[in-house]
């Protein structure tokens, strides 16, 4: 999820008309990092 967010962020920065991709990319990065560091279901799995 973080990787997809980075790709969308880069695409949004390269193409000025796709500024919505920057927002979506940032949201995906934040959500991906939160899900990575907060264990869900009681397990301490790390998904990159």
PDB file of N, CA and C in Angstrom:
ATOM      1  N   UNK A   1       0.834  -1.193   0.000  1.00  0.00           N
ATOM      2  CA  UNK A   1       0.000   0.000   0.000  1.00  0.00           C
ATOM      3  C   UNK A   1       0.875   1.251   0.000  1.00  0.00           C
ATOM      4  N   UNK A   2       1.973   1.182   0.756  1.00  0.00           N
ATOM      5  CA  UNK A   2       2.884   2.327   0.779  1.00  0.00           C
ATOM      6  C   UNK A   2       3.532   2.516  -0.590  1.00  0.00           C
ATOM      7  N   UNK A   3       3.885   1.402  -1.220  1.00  0.00           N
ATOM      8  CA  UNK A   3       4.490   1.485  -2.546  1.00  0.00           C
ATOM      9  C   UNK A   3       3.551   2.105  -3.565  1.00  0.00           C
ATOM     10  N   UNK A   4       2.277   1.711  -3.516  1.00  0.00           N
ATOM     11  CA  UNK A   4       1.283   2.287  -4.418  1.00  0.00           C
ATOM     12  C   UNK A   4       1.118   3.785  -4.153  1.00  0.00           C
ATOM     13  N   UNK A   5       1.146   4.165  -2.887  1.00  0.00           N
ATOM     14  CA  UNK A   5       1.050   5.579  -2.541  1.00  0.00           C
ATOM     15  C   UNK A   5       2.212   6.383  -3.089  1.00  0.00           C
ATOM     16  N   UNK A   6       3.416   5.810  -3.025  1.00  0.00           N
ATOM     17  CA  UNK A   6       4.603   6.507  -3.551  1.00  0.00           C
ATOM     18  C   UNK A   6       4.500   6.657  -5.064  1.00  0.00           C
ATOM     19  N   UNK A   7       4.042   5.602  -5.740  1.00  0.00           N
ATOM     20  CA  UNK A   7       3.890   5.675  -7.196  1.00  0.00           C
ATOM     21  C   UNK A   7       2.879   6.751  -7.579  1.00  0.00           C
ATOM     22  N   UNK A   8       1.735   6.772  -6.897  1.00  0.00           N
ATOM     23  CA  UNK A   8       0.722   7.793  -7.199  1.00  0.00           C
ATOM     24  C   UNK A   8       1.228   9.195  -6.888  1.00  0.00           C
ATOM     25  N   UNK A   9       1.999   9.316  -5.814  1.00  0.00           N
ATOM     26  CA  UNK A   9       2.556  10.621  -5.448  1.00  0.00           C
ATOM     27  C   UNK A   9       3.513  11.117  -6.526  1.00  0.00           C
ATOM     28  N   UNK A  10       4.376  10.233  -7.010  1.00  0.00           N
ATOM     29  CA  UNK A  10       5.334  10.624  -8.047  1.00  0.00           C
ATOM     30  C   UNK A  10       4.601  10.982  -9.336  1.00  0.00           C
ATOM     31  N   UNK A  11       3.606  10.171  -9.716  1.00  0.00           N
ATOM     32  CA  UNK A  11       2.840  10.482 -10.927  1.00  0.00           C
ATOM     33  C   UNK A  11       2.111  11.812 -10.798  1.00  0.00           C
ATOM     34  N   UNK A  12       1.555  12.069  -9.628  1.00  0.00           N
ATOM     35  CA  UNK A  12       0.853  13.324  -9.418  1.00  0.00           C
ATOM     36  C   UNK A  12       1.766  14.526  -9.463  1.00  0.00           C
ATOM     37  N   UNK A  13       3.001  14.342  -9.007  1.00  0.00           N
ATOM     38  CA  UNK A  13       3.953  15.457  -9.041  1.00  0.00           C
ATOM     39  C   UNK A  13       4.494  15.684 -10.448  1.00  0.00           C
ATOM     40  N   UNK A  14       4.628  14.607 -11.227  1.00  0.00           N
ATOM     41  CA  UNK A  14       5.153  14.756 -12.585  1.00  0.00           C
ATOM     42  C   UNK A  14       4.126  15.379 -13.531  1.00  0.00           C
ATOM     43  N   UNK A  15       2.864  15.006 -13.361  1.00  0.00           N
ATOM     44  CA  UNK A  15       1.811  15.522 -14.235  1.00  0.00           C
ATOM     45  C   UNK A  15       0.986  16.528 -13.436  1.00  0.00           C
ATOM     46  N   UNK A  16       1.097  17.785 -13.788  1.00  0.00           N
ATOM     47  CA  UNK A  16       0.458  18.840 -12.997  1.00  0.00           C
ATOM     48  C   UNK A  16      -1.057  18.764 -13.024  1.00  0.00           C
ATOM     49  N   UNK A  17      -1.629  18.214 -14.091  1.00  0.00           N
ATOM     50  CA  UNK A  17      -3.081  18.173 -14.186  1.00  0.00           C
ATOM     51  C   UNK A  17      -3.684  17.087 -13.288  1.00  0.00           C
ATOM     52  N   UNK A  18      -2.840  16.206 -12.743  1.00  0.00           N
ATOM     53  CA  UNK A  18      -3.345  15.120 -11.897  1.00  0.00           C
ATOM     54  C   UNK A  18      -3.030  15.386 -10.427  1.00  0.00           C
ATOM     55  N   UNK A  19      -3.406  16.566  -9.954  1.00  0.00           N
ATOM     56  CA  UNK A  19      -3.078  16.923  -8.571  1.00  0.00           C
ATOM     57  C   UNK A  19      -3.837  16.067  -7.559  1.00  0.00           C
ATOM     58  N   UNK A  20      -4.940  15.462  -7.992  1.00  0.00           N
ATOM     59  CA  UNK A  20      -5.705  14.589  -7.094  1.00  0.00           C
ATOM     60  C   UNK A  20      -4.890  13.354  -6.724  1.00  0.00           C
ATOM     61  N   UNK A  21      -4.006  12.914  -7.624  1.00  0.00           N
ATOM     62  CA  UNK A  21      -3.173  11.740  -7.341  1.00  0.00           C
ATOM     63  C   UNK A  21      -2.216  12.008  -6.181  1.00  0.00           C
ATOM     64  N   UNK A  22      -1.785  13.255  -6.025  1.00  0.00           N
ATOM     65  CA  UNK A  22      -0.894  13.590  -4.907  1.00  0.00           C
ATOM     66  C   UNK A  22      -1.623  13.368  -3.592  1.00  0.00           C
ATOM     67  N   UNK A  23      -2.869  13.824  -3.525  1.00  0.00           N
ATOM     68  CA  UNK A  23      -3.658  13.648  -2.309  1.00  0.00           C
ATOM     69  C   UNK A  23      -3.907  12.176  -2.019  1.00  0.00           C
ATOM     70  N   UNK A  24      -4.299  11.429  -3.048  1.00  0.00           N
ATOM     71  CA  UNK A  24      -4.560  10.002  -2.861  1.00  0.00           C
ATOM     72  C   UNK A  24      -3.279   9.279  -2.456  1.00  0.00           C
ATOM     73  N   UNK A  25      -2.162   9.645  -3.073  1.00  0.00           N
ATOM     74  CA  UNK A  25      -0.882   9.028  -2.740  1.00  0.00           C
ATOM     75  C   UNK A  25      -0.487   9.273  -1.300  1.00  0.00           C
ATOM     76  N   UNK A  26      -0.670  10.507  -0.829  1.00  0.00           N
ATOM     77  CA  UNK A  26      -0.335  10.822   0.561  1.00  0.00           C
ATOM     78  C   UNK A  26      -1.218  10.046   1.531  1.00  0.00           C
ATOM     79  N   UNK A  27      -2.502   9.935   1.214  1.00  0.00           N
ATOM     80  CA  UNK A  27      -3.423   9.195   2.075  1.00  0.00           C
ATOM     81  C   UNK A  27      -3.019   7.721   2.135  1.00  0.00           C
ATOM     82  N   UNK A  28      -2.683   7.137   0.987  1.00  0.00           N
ATOM     83  CA  UNK A  28      -2.278   5.728   0.966  1.00  0.00           C
ATOM     84  C   UNK A  28      -0.992   5.501   1.747  1.00  0.00           C
ATOM     85  N   UNK A  29      -0.046   6.423   1.656  1.00  0.00           N
ATOM     86  CA  UNK A  29       1.199   6.285   2.408  1.00  0.00           C
ATOM     87  C   UNK A  29       0.917   6.328   3.906  1.00  0.00           C
ATOM     88  N   UNK A  30       0.110   7.289   4.342  1.00  0.00           N
ATOM     89  CA  UNK A  30      -0.193   7.424   5.771  1.00  0.00           C
ATOM     90  C   UNK A  30      -0.939   6.199   6.286  1.00  0.00           C
ATOM     91  N   UNK A  31      -1.965   5.757   5.542  1.00  0.00           N
ATOM     92  CA  UNK A  31      -2.732   4.591   5.969  1.00  0.00           C
ATOM     93  C   UNK A  31      -1.857   3.337   5.976  1.00  0.00           C
ATOM     94  N   UNK A  32      -1.009   3.203   4.973  1.00  0.00           N
ATOM     95  CA  UNK A  32      -0.108   2.048   4.926  1.00  0.00           C
ATOM     96  C   UNK A  32       0.852   2.019   6.085  1.00  0.00           C
ATOM     97  N   UNK A  33       1.392   3.161   6.463  1.00  0.00           N
ATOM     98  CA  UNK A  33       2.316   3.202   7.604  1.00  0.00           C
ATOM     99  C   UNK A  33       1.591   2.919   8.915  1.00  0.00           C
ATOM    100  N   UNK A  34       0.377   3.437   9.051  1.00  0.00           N
ATOM    101  CA  UNK A  34      -0.396   3.185  10.267  1.00  0.00           C
ATOM    102  C   UNK A  34      -0.712   1.697  10.383  1.00  0.00           C
ATOM    103  N   UNK A  35      -1.152   1.087   9.285  1.00  0.00           N
ATOM    104  CA  UNK A  35      -1.464  -0.344   9.325  1.00  0.00           C
ATOM    105  C   UNK A  35      -0.210  -1.185   9.547  1.00  0.00           C
ATOM    106  N   UNK A  36       0.929  -0.681   9.131  1.00  0.00           N
ATOM    107  CA  UNK A  36       2.166  -1.429   9.301  1.00  0.00           C
ATOM    108  C   UNK A  36       2.624  -1.426  10.757  1.00  0.00           C
ATOM    109  N   UNK A  37       2.479  -0.316  11.448  1.00  0.00           N
ATOM    110  CA  UNK A  37       3.023  -0.203  12.799  1.00  0.00           C
ATOM    111  C   UNK A  37       2.016  -0.547  13.890  1.00  0.00           C
ATOM    112  N   UNK A  38       0.725  -0.607  13.560  1.00  0.00           N
ATOM    113  CA  UNK A  38      -0.276  -1.001  14.545  1.00  0.00           C
ATOM    114  C   UNK A  38      -0.717  -2.421  14.217  1.00  0.00           C
ATOM    115  N   UNK A  39      -0.418  -3.362  15.092  1.00  0.00           N
ATOM    116  CA  UNK A  39      -0.814  -4.747  14.804  1.00  0.00           C
ATOM    117  C   UNK A  39      -2.326  -4.914  14.845  1.00  0.00           C
ATOM    118  N   UNK A  40      -2.854  -5.615  13.847  1.00  0.00           N
ATOM    119  CA  UNK A  40      -4.292  -5.855  13.761  1.00  0.00           C
ATOM    120  C   UNK A  40      -4.547  -7.334  14.027  1.00  0.00           C
ATOM    121  N   UNK A  41      -5.500  -7.617  14.887  1.00  0.00           N
ATOM    122  CA  UNK A  41      -5.803  -9.003  15.205  1.00  0.00           C
ATOM    123  C   UNK A  41      -4.895  -9.590  16.260  1.00  0.00           C
ATOM    124  N   UNK A  42      -4.125  -8.761  16.939  1.00  0.00           N
ATOM    125  CA  UNK A  42      -3.270  -9.248  18.010  1.00  0.00           C
ATOM    126  C   UNK A  42      -1.943  -9.808  17.558  1.00  0.00           C
ATOM    127  N   UNK A  43      -1.683  -9.803  16.260  1.00  0.00           N
ATOM    128  CA  UNK A  43      -0.408 -10.333  15.774  1.00  0.00           C
ATOM    129  C   UNK A  43       0.519  -9.185  15.437  1.00  0.00           C
ATOM    130  N   UNK A  44       1.810  -9.441  15.454  1.00  0.00           N
ATOM    131  CA  UNK A  44       2.787  -8.406  15.170  1.00  0.00           C
ATOM    132  C   UNK A  44       3.385  -8.649  13.785  1.00  0.00           C
ATOM    133  N   UNK A  45       2.532  -8.775  12.787  1.00  0.00           N
ATOM    134  CA  UNK A  45       3.029  -9.015  11.442  1.00  0.00           C
ATOM    135  C   UNK A  45       3.430  -7.686  10.801  1.00  0.00           C
ATOM    136  N   UNK A  46       4.481  -7.753  10.015  1.00  0.00           N
ATOM    137  CA  UNK A  46       4.956  -6.569   9.307  1.00  0.00           C
ATOM    138  C   UNK A  46       4.781  -6.810   7.823  1.00  0.00           C
ATOM    139  N   UNK A  47       3.954  -6.005   7.176  1.00  0.00           N
ATOM    140  CA  UNK A  47       3.705  -6.158   5.741  1.00  0.00           C
ATOM    141  C   UNK A  47       4.257  -4.933   5.044  1.00  0.00           C
ATOM    142  N   UNK A  48       5.216  -5.156   4.157  1.00  0.00           N
ATOM    143  CA  UNK A  48       5.820  -4.035   3.450  1.00  0.00           C
ATOM    144  C   UNK A  48       5.259  -3.980   2.068  1.00  0.00           C
TER     145      UNK A  48
END
